[in-house]
Amino acid sequence: MKLSDYKGEDALEVLAELIEPAAEVFGDPEFRKIYNSGPKAKAVKYALKEHKRPILYILATLDGENPETYRPGLLTLPAKLLEILNDPELVSLFQSQAQSTDKTSSGPATENTEAHDE
C-alpha cells in the first residue's frame, strides 16, 4: 500500500509509525548518494543489506501487518521496496527531513549582548 492510500486518522497512525525507521534509511548519507545518483535497484540492494529491520518495519506498517511477525517472501521484497522508493509522497517527506538533519547548526553563532562592567 502507498502512503497516499491512507487517509485521516489512519494516515496519522501510519506516519507516526514510519517516521523513525524511514528517517534511519533516508538519513544514511551513503543511501542518499546511491539513491540520487544511480539506478533504484542499487539503492534497494544497499537498503536491504544495511537497514534490514527498518525496511521490514516500513513494509509491515504499509501492508497493515504486525512488524514482529511480518515475513514477506523473497521475491516480493525488492518489488515492495521499489514501490516505496517510487512513492513520491513518502520519498519527498523523508528526503527533506533527512536533509534537515544533515545540518550541524541552525544558524550562525550569536554574540553575547550582556552589558559588561568596566
Protein backbone atom coordinates (compact mmCIF):
# COMPACT_ATOMS: atom_id res chain seq x y z
CA MET A 1 0.00 0.00 0.00
CA LYS A 2 1.22 3.51 -0.72
CA LEU A 3 1.36 6.23 1.90
CA SER A 4 -1.12 8.23 -0.18
CA ASP A 5 -3.65 5.38 0.17
CA TYR A 6 -4.06 6.19 3.87
CA LYS A 7 -6.45 8.98 4.86
CA GLY A 8 -7.42 10.81 8.05
CA GLU A 9 -6.55 9.16 11.35
CA ASP A 10 -5.17 6.09 9.59
CA ALA A 11 -2.69 8.33 7.77
CA LEU A 12 -1.59 9.89 11.06
CA GLU A 13 -1.09 6.48 12.65
CA VAL A 14 0.94 5.15 9.73
CA LEU A 15 3.02 8.31 9.52
CA ALA A 16 3.80 8.16 13.24
CA GLU A 17 4.96 4.56 12.81
CA LEU A 18 7.12 5.33 9.77
CA ILE A 19 8.99 8.40 10.98
CA GLU A 20 11.83 6.70 12.82
CA PRO A 21 12.57 3.77 10.51
CA ALA A 22 12.28 5.90 7.36
CA ALA A 23 14.48 8.61 8.85
CA GLU A 24 17.11 5.97 9.59
CA VAL A 25 17.16 4.78 5.99
CA PHE A 26 16.83 8.16 4.27
CA GLY A 27 19.19 9.74 6.81
CA ASP A 28 22.02 7.42 5.74
CA PRO A 29 24.31 9.58 3.57
CA GLU A 30 25.51 6.59 1.56
CA PHE A 31 21.94 5.50 0.82
CA ARG A 32 21.01 9.02 -0.33
CA LYS A 33 24.10 9.18 -2.53
CA ILE A 34 23.22 5.87 -4.21
CA TYR A 35 19.52 6.76 -4.43
CA ASN A 36 20.16 10.15 -6.04
CA SER A 37 22.86 9.10 -8.47
CA GLY A 38 22.13 5.63 -9.73
CA PRO A 39 19.55 3.03 -10.54
CA LYS A 40 16.97 2.49 -7.81
CA ALA A 41 17.93 -1.21 -7.75
CA LYS A 42 21.31 -0.25 -6.25
CA ALA A 43 19.57 1.78 -3.57
CA VAL A 44 17.29 -1.19 -2.84
CA LYS A 45 20.28 -3.51 -2.55
CA TYR A 46 22.05 -1.15 -0.18
CA ALA A 47 18.95 -0.60 1.98
CA LEU A 48 18.26 -4.33 2.21
CA LYS A 49 21.83 -5.01 3.35
CA GLU A 50 22.35 -2.08 5.69
CA HIS A 51 18.87 -1.36 7.09
CA LYS A 52 17.11 -4.72 7.39
CA ARG A 53 14.98 -4.02 10.46
CA PRO A 54 13.74 -0.55 9.45
CA ILE A 55 12.90 -1.84 5.96
CA LEU A 56 10.87 -4.75 7.34
CA TYR A 57 9.15 -2.39 9.78
CA ILE A 58 8.23 0.03 6.98
CA LEU A 59 6.94 -2.74 4.73
CA ALA A 60 4.90 -4.33 7.53
CA THR A 61 3.39 -0.99 8.52
CA LEU A 62 2.39 -0.12 4.96
CA ASP A 63 0.93 -3.60 4.50
CA GLY A 64 -1.05 -3.31 7.74
CA GLU A 65 0.85 -6.22 9.28
CA ASN A 66 2.50 -6.72 12.65
CA PRO A 67 6.22 -5.89 12.25
CA GLU A 68 7.13 -8.57 14.80
CA THR A 69 5.60 -11.37 12.74
CA TYR A 70 5.91 -9.94 9.22
CA ARG A 71 7.66 -12.37 6.89
CA PRO A 72 7.48 -11.25 3.24
CA GLY A 73 8.59 -13.63 0.52
CA LEU A 74 11.99 -13.39 -1.12
CA LEU A 75 10.59 -12.40 -4.49
CA THR A 76 8.23 -9.75 -3.10
CA LEU A 77 10.82 -7.80 -1.10
CA PRO A 78 12.59 -5.97 -3.94
CA ALA A 79 9.30 -5.13 -5.67
CA LYS A 80 7.78 -3.79 -2.44
CA LEU A 81 10.86 -1.72 -1.66
CA LEU A 82 10.97 -0.31 -5.20
CA GLU A 83 7.32 0.62 -4.80
CA ILE A 84 8.19 2.55 -1.64
CA LEU A 85 11.17 4.28 -3.26
CA ASN A 86 8.94 5.29 -6.16
CA ASP A 87 6.19 6.68 -3.91
CA PRO A 88 6.76 10.44 -4.39
CA GLU A 89 4.92 11.40 -1.20
CA LEU A 90 6.93 9.08 1.02
CA VAL A 91 10.25 9.91 -0.60
CA SER A 92 9.74 13.68 -0.54
CA LEU A 93 8.64 13.60 3.07
CA PHE A 94 11.64 11.69 4.34
CA GLN A 95 14.26 13.08 1.98
CA SER A 96 13.53 16.62 3.12
CA GLN A 97 13.53 15.50 6.76
CA ALA A 98 16.84 13.64 6.30
CA GLN A 99 18.42 16.65 4.61
CA SER A 100 17.44 18.89 7.51
CA THR A 101 19.20 16.56 9.95
CA ASP A 102 22.45 16.97 8.00
CA LYS A 103 22.94 20.48 9.32
CA THR A 104 25.26 20.82 12.26
CA SER A 105 23.78 24.10 13.38
CA SER A 106 20.67 26.09 12.71
CA GLY A 107 22.45 29.34 12.04
CA PRO A 108 25.45 31.48 12.89
CA ALA A 109 26.69 31.82 16.42
CA THR A 110 25.22 34.76 18.25
CA GLU A 111 27.15 37.39 20.08
CA ASN A 112 26.76 37.78 23.83
CA THR A 113 24.80 41.01 24.31
CA GLU A 114 25.03 41.23 28.10
CA ALA A 115 26.31 44.51 29.48
CA HIS A 116 29.85 44.36 30.85
CA ASP A 117 31.15 46.33 33.82
CA GLU A 118 34.38 48.16 33.01
